[in-house]
Amino acid sequence: MLTKTLVAIAGAGALCAACTSTGNMERNAAGGAALGALAGAVIGNNVGGGSASTGAAVGAAIGGVAGAARGAEQDRQMGVNRRQYYDERASRYYYYDGGSGRYYWEDGSPR
């Protein structure tokens, strides 16, 4: 029974982590929660009262927070060299990427 629970938790976490198309924070939070739940279930089953479900819940919470923090840091590092400006003549926003020295519109086309 424990093996089926662990496989279900790991599978659900992997699906959540794979389906996100947003930034690193969301992706890492889902992956961290999945790994934390798996590790928490194993540790909770073997230590203390032997409650795999409590260990999985605690592990998912801690893993999710740690993954979100790491992802937020990665997102912040990626956006350091990118600035947004507004072109009044074109009435639209554009970006400057300091890493490459390029200007481009919101849709990604060169400005």
N, C-alpha and C. Protein backbone atom coordinates (compact mmCIF):
# COMPACT_ATOMS: atom_id res chain seq x y z
N MET A 1 0.82 -1.19 0.00
CA MET A 1 0.00 0.00 0.00
C MET A 1 0.86 1.26 0.00
N LEU A 2 1.93 1.24 0.78
CA LEU A 2 2.81 2.39 0.87
C LEU A 2 3.48 2.66 -0.48
N THR A 3 3.84 1.61 -1.18
CA THR A 3 4.48 1.77 -2.49
C THR A 3 3.53 2.43 -3.48
N LYS A 4 2.28 2.03 -3.48
CA LYS A 4 1.30 2.64 -4.38
C LYS A 4 1.10 4.11 -4.05
N THR A 5 1.08 4.45 -2.77
CA THR A 5 0.92 5.84 -2.35
C THR A 5 2.11 6.67 -2.80
N LEU A 6 3.30 6.15 -2.60
CA LEU A 6 4.50 6.88 -3.00
C LEU A 6 4.57 7.09 -4.51
N VAL A 7 4.19 6.07 -5.26
CA VAL A 7 4.19 6.18 -6.72
C VAL A 7 3.15 7.20 -7.17
N ALA A 8 1.99 7.21 -6.54
CA ALA A 8 0.94 8.18 -6.89
C ALA A 8 1.37 9.60 -6.59
N ILE A 9 2.00 9.81 -5.44
CA ILE A 9 2.46 11.15 -5.06
C ILE A 9 3.55 11.61 -6.01
N ALA A 10 4.51 10.76 -6.29
CA ALA A 10 5.61 11.13 -7.19
C ALA A 10 5.09 11.39 -8.61
N GLY A 11 4.16 10.57 -9.07
CA GLY A 11 3.60 10.76 -10.41
C GLY A 11 2.82 12.06 -10.53
N ALA A 12 2.02 12.38 -9.53
CA ALA A 12 1.26 13.63 -9.56
C ALA A 12 2.19 14.84 -9.53
N GLY A 13 3.21 14.76 -8.72
CA GLY A 13 4.18 15.87 -8.67
C GLY A 13 4.92 16.05 -9.98
N ALA A 14 5.30 14.94 -10.60
CA ALA A 14 6.00 15.02 -11.89
C ALA A 14 5.10 15.60 -12.97
N LEU A 15 3.84 15.23 -12.96
CA LEU A 15 2.90 15.80 -13.93
C LEU A 15 2.71 17.29 -13.72
N CYS A 16 2.60 17.70 -12.48
CA CYS A 16 2.44 19.14 -12.19
C CYS A 16 3.68 19.91 -12.62
N ALA A 17 4.83 19.38 -12.36
CA ALA A 17 6.07 20.07 -12.72
C ALA A 17 6.26 20.13 -14.23
N ALA A 18 5.81 19.13 -14.94
CA ALA A 18 6.01 19.09 -16.39
C ALA A 18 5.01 19.96 -17.14
N CYS A 19 3.85 20.21 -16.57
CA CYS A 19 2.79 20.91 -17.30
C CYS A 19 2.87 22.42 -17.21
N THR A 20 3.68 22.96 -16.38
CA THR A 20 3.71 24.41 -16.25
C THR A 20 4.50 25.04 -17.38
N SER A 21 3.97 26.11 -17.91
CA SER A 21 4.68 26.84 -18.97
C SER A 21 5.09 28.21 -18.48
N THR A 22 5.02 28.41 -17.18
CA THR A 22 5.36 29.70 -16.60
C THR A 22 6.81 29.69 -16.15
N GLY A 23 7.14 30.56 -15.25
CA GLY A 23 8.53 30.75 -14.84
C GLY A 23 9.09 29.64 -13.98
N ASN A 24 10.33 29.86 -13.60
CA ASN A 24 11.05 28.88 -12.78
C ASN A 24 10.41 28.70 -11.41
N MET A 25 9.82 29.75 -10.87
CA MET A 25 9.26 29.66 -9.53
C MET A 25 8.17 28.60 -9.46
N GLU A 26 7.23 28.62 -10.39
CA GLU A 26 6.15 27.65 -10.38
C GLU A 26 6.65 26.24 -10.64
N ARG A 27 7.54 26.13 -11.61
CA ARG A 27 8.09 24.82 -11.97
C ARG A 27 8.86 24.22 -10.80
N ASN A 28 9.71 25.02 -10.16
CA ASN A 28 10.50 24.51 -9.04
C ASN A 28 9.66 24.25 -7.81
N ALA A 29 8.59 25.03 -7.60
CA ALA A 29 7.70 24.79 -6.46
C ALA A 29 7.01 23.45 -6.62
N ALA A 30 6.52 23.15 -7.82
CA ALA A 30 5.84 21.87 -8.05
C ALA A 30 6.81 20.71 -7.90
N GLY A 31 7.99 20.84 -8.49
CA GLY A 31 8.99 19.79 -8.37
C GLY A 31 9.46 19.60 -6.94
N GLY A 32 9.67 20.70 -6.23
CA GLY A 32 10.09 20.62 -4.83
C GLY A 32 9.03 19.98 -3.95
N ALA A 33 7.77 20.30 -4.22
CA ALA A 33 6.68 19.69 -3.46
C ALA A 33 6.61 18.19 -3.71
N ALA A 34 6.81 17.78 -4.96
CA ALA A 34 6.77 16.35 -5.28
C ALA A 34 7.92 15.60 -4.60
N LEU A 35 9.12 16.14 -4.72
CA LEU A 35 10.26 15.49 -4.08
C LEU A 35 10.14 15.51 -2.56
N GLY A 36 9.66 16.63 -2.02
CA GLY A 36 9.47 16.73 -0.58
C GLY A 36 8.44 15.76 -0.06
N ALA A 37 7.36 15.57 -0.81
CA ALA A 37 6.32 14.62 -0.41
C ALA A 37 6.86 13.20 -0.42
N LEU A 38 7.62 12.88 -1.44
CA LEU A 38 8.19 11.54 -1.53
C LEU A 38 9.16 11.29 -0.39
N ALA A 39 10.08 12.23 -0.17
CA ALA A 39 11.05 12.07 0.91
C ALA A 39 10.35 12.07 2.27
N GLY A 40 9.36 12.95 2.44
CA GLY A 40 8.64 13.01 3.71
C GLY A 40 7.87 11.73 4.01
N ALA A 41 7.29 11.13 2.97
CA ALA A 41 6.56 9.88 3.18
C ALA A 41 7.50 8.76 3.60
N VAL A 42 8.65 8.69 2.97
CA VAL A 42 9.62 7.65 3.32
C VAL A 42 10.14 7.87 4.74
N ILE A 43 10.52 9.10 5.05
CA ILE A 43 11.04 9.40 6.39
C ILE A 43 9.95 9.23 7.44
N GLY A 44 8.75 9.74 7.15
CA GLY A 44 7.65 9.61 8.11
C GLY A 44 7.26 8.18 8.39
N ASN A 45 7.38 7.33 7.41
CA ASN A 45 7.06 5.92 7.60
C ASN A 45 8.09 5.20 8.46
N ASN A 46 9.34 5.64 8.37
CA ASN A 46 10.43 4.93 9.05
C ASN A 46 10.80 5.53 10.40
N VAL A 47 10.38 6.75 10.67
CA VAL A 47 10.80 7.44 11.89
C VAL A 47 9.57 7.84 12.69
N GLY A 48 9.74 7.92 13.98
CA GLY A 48 8.67 8.44 14.84
C GLY A 48 7.47 7.52 14.89
N GLY A 49 6.28 8.11 14.67
CA GLY A 49 5.03 7.36 14.78
C GLY A 49 4.75 6.47 13.59
N GLY A 50 5.51 6.59 12.52
CA GLY A 50 5.30 5.75 11.35
C GLY A 50 4.19 6.22 10.44
N SER A 51 3.91 7.53 10.44
CA SER A 51 2.83 8.07 9.61
C SER A 51 3.40 8.61 8.29
N ALA A 52 3.20 7.85 7.22
CA ALA A 52 3.69 8.28 5.91
C ALA A 52 2.90 9.47 5.39
N SER A 53 1.60 9.54 5.69
CA SER A 53 0.79 10.66 5.17
C SER A 53 1.18 11.98 5.82
N THR A 54 1.46 11.97 7.11
CA THR A 54 1.90 13.20 7.78
C THR A 54 3.27 13.62 7.26
N GLY A 55 4.16 12.67 7.10
CA GLY A 55 5.48 12.97 6.55
C GLY A 55 5.40 13.52 5.14
N ALA A 56 4.50 12.98 4.34
CA ALA A 56 4.33 13.47 2.96
C ALA A 56 3.80 14.89 2.95
N ALA A 57 2.86 15.19 3.83
CA ALA A 57 2.30 16.55 3.89
C ALA A 57 3.34 17.55 4.32
N VAL A 58 4.10 17.23 5.35
CA VAL A 58 5.15 18.13 5.82
C VAL A 58 6.24 18.27 4.77
N GLY A 59 6.64 17.18 4.18
CA GLY A 59 7.67 17.22 3.13
C GLY A 59 7.23 18.02 1.92
N ALA A 60 5.97 17.89 1.53
CA ALA A 60 5.45 18.65 0.38
C ALA A 60 5.46 20.14 0.68
N ALA A 61 5.07 20.51 1.88
CA ALA A 61 5.07 21.93 2.25
C ALA A 61 6.48 22.51 2.25
N ILE A 62 7.39 21.82 2.88
CA ILE A 62 8.77 22.31 2.94
C ILE A 62 9.41 22.31 1.56
N GLY A 63 9.21 21.24 0.79
CA GLY A 63 9.77 21.17 -0.56
C GLY A 63 9.19 22.22 -1.48
N GLY A 64 7.90 22.49 -1.36
CA GLY A 64 7.26 23.51 -2.19
C GLY A 64 7.80 24.90 -1.90
N VAL A 65 7.97 25.22 -0.63
CA VAL A 65 8.52 26.52 -0.25
C VAL A 65 9.96 26.66 -0.72
N ALA A 66 10.76 25.62 -0.50
CA ALA A 66 12.16 25.68 -0.93
C ALA A 66 12.27 25.78 -2.45
N GLY A 67 11.45 25.04 -3.18
CA GLY A 67 11.47 25.10 -4.64
C GLY A 67 11.03 26.45 -5.16
N ALA A 68 10.00 27.03 -4.54
CA ALA A 68 9.52 28.35 -4.96
C ALA A 68 10.58 29.42 -4.70
N ALA A 69 11.26 29.33 -3.58
CA ALA A 69 12.31 30.30 -3.27
C ALA A 69 13.45 30.22 -4.28
N ARG A 70 13.85 29.01 -4.61
CA ARG A 70 14.92 28.82 -5.60
C ARG A 70 14.49 29.31 -6.99
N GLY A 71 13.27 29.01 -7.38
CA GLY A 71 12.76 29.45 -8.67
C GLY A 71 12.63 30.95 -8.77
N ALA A 72 12.20 31.58 -7.67
CA ALA A 72 12.09 33.05 -7.66
C ALA A 72 13.47 33.68 -7.82
N GLU A 73 14.46 33.09 -7.21
CA GLU A 73 15.83 33.60 -7.35
C GLU A 73 16.32 33.45 -8.79
N GLN A 74 16.01 32.32 -9.42
CA GLN A 74 16.40 32.11 -10.82
C GLN A 74 15.69 33.10 -11.73
N ASP A 75 14.39 33.33 -11.49
CA ASP A 75 13.66 34.30 -12.30
C ASP A 75 14.23 35.70 -12.12
N ARG A 76 14.59 36.05 -10.89
CA ARG A 76 15.16 37.37 -10.63
C ARG A 76 16.49 37.54 -11.34
N GLN A 77 17.33 36.52 -11.32
CA GLN A 77 18.62 36.60 -11.98
C GLN A 77 18.47 36.73 -13.49
N MET A 78 17.48 36.10 -14.06
CA MET A 78 17.28 36.18 -15.50
C MET A 78 16.79 37.55 -15.93
N GLY A 79 16.05 38.24 -15.07
CA GLY A 79 15.46 39.51 -15.44
C GLY A 79 16.28 40.72 -15.06
N VAL A 80 17.46 40.54 -14.51
CA VAL A 80 18.27 41.66 -14.05
C VAL A 80 18.68 42.56 -15.20
N ASN A 81 19.03 41.99 -16.33
CA ASN A 81 19.53 42.77 -17.46
C ASN A 81 18.42 43.15 -18.44
N ARG A 82 17.19 43.01 -18.07
CA ARG A 82 16.09 43.29 -18.98
C ARG A 82 15.26 44.45 -18.43
N ARG A 83 15.05 45.48 -19.25
CA ARG A 83 14.26 46.65 -18.84
C ARG A 83 13.17 46.91 -19.84
N GLN A 84 12.04 47.38 -19.34
CA GLN A 84 10.90 47.68 -20.19
C GLN A 84 10.77 49.20 -20.36
N TYR A 85 10.47 49.62 -21.58
CA TYR A 85 10.26 51.02 -21.91
C TYR A 85 8.99 51.16 -22.73
N TYR A 86 8.51 52.39 -22.87
CA TYR A 86 7.31 52.65 -23.66
C TYR A 86 7.66 53.59 -24.81
N ASP A 87 7.32 53.20 -26.03
CA ASP A 87 7.54 54.03 -27.22
C ASP A 87 6.24 54.78 -27.50
N GLU A 88 6.25 56.10 -27.27
CA GLU A 88 5.03 56.90 -27.44
C GLU A 88 4.59 56.98 -28.90
N ARG A 89 5.55 57.04 -29.80
CA ARG A 89 5.18 57.12 -31.23
C ARG A 89 4.50 55.85 -31.71
N ALA A 90 5.00 54.71 -31.27
CA ALA A 90 4.42 53.44 -31.69
C ALA A 90 3.29 52.99 -30.76
N SER A 91 3.16 53.65 -29.62
CA SER A 91 2.13 53.32 -28.61
C SER A 91 2.22 51.86 -28.16
N ARG A 92 3.43 51.42 -27.91
CA ARG A 92 3.61 50.06 -27.41
C ARG A 92 4.90 49.95 -26.61
N TYR A 93 4.99 48.89 -25.83
CA TYR A 93 6.15 48.68 -24.98
C TYR A 93 7.24 47.92 -25.74
N TYR A 94 8.47 48.16 -25.35
CA TYR A 94 9.60 47.41 -25.86
C TYR A 94 10.57 47.15 -24.72
N TYR A 95 11.49 46.24 -24.96
CA TYR A 95 12.44 45.83 -23.94
C TYR A 95 13.87 46.04 -24.42
N TYR A 96 14.75 46.25 -23.46
CA TYR A 96 16.18 46.29 -23.72
C TYR A 96 16.81 45.18 -22.91
N ASP A 97 17.55 44.32 -23.58
CA ASP A 97 18.26 43.24 -22.92
C ASP A 97 19.72 43.63 -22.79
N GLY A 98 20.15 43.92 -21.57
CA GLY A 98 21.53 44.35 -21.34
C GLY A 98 22.56 43.28 -21.61
N GLY A 99 22.16 42.02 -21.48
CA GLY A 99 23.10 40.93 -21.74
C GLY A 99 23.50 40.84 -23.20
N SER A 100 22.53 41.05 -24.10
CA SER A 100 22.82 40.94 -25.53
C SER A 100 22.94 42.31 -26.20
N GLY A 101 22.47 43.38 -25.51
CA GLY A 101 22.50 44.71 -26.09
C GLY A 101 21.43 44.93 -27.14
N ARG A 102 20.37 44.08 -27.12
CA ARG A 102 19.31 44.17 -28.13
C ARG A 102 18.08 44.87 -27.59
N TYR A 103 17.36 45.55 -28.50
CA TYR A 103 16.04 46.10 -28.22
C TYR A 103 15.02 45.25 -28.97
N TYR A 104 13.90 44.95 -28.32
CA TYR A 104 12.88 44.17 -29.01
C TYR A 104 11.49 44.50 -28.46
N TRP A 105 10.48 44.27 -29.29
CA TRP A 105 9.09 44.53 -28.91
C TRP A 105 8.60 43.44 -27.97
N GLU A 106 7.40 43.63 -27.42
CA GLU A 106 6.82 42.67 -26.49
C GLU A 106 6.66 41.28 -27.10
N ASP A 107 6.41 41.21 -28.40
CA ASP A 107 6.21 39.92 -29.04
C ASP A 107 7.52 39.21 -29.38
N GLY A 108 8.65 39.85 -29.08
CA GLY A 108 9.95 39.24 -29.32
C GLY A 108 10.62 39.65 -30.61
N SER A 109 9.92 40.39 -31.46
CA SER A 109 10.52 40.81 -32.73
C SER A 109 11.49 41.97 -32.47
N PRO A 110 12.53 42.09 -33.27
CA PRO A 110 13.51 43.18 -33.09
C PRO A 110 12.86 44.54 -33.24
N ARG A 111 13.32 45.50 -32.48
CA ARG A 111 12.79 46.86 -32.56
C ARG A 111 13.63 47.65 -33.54
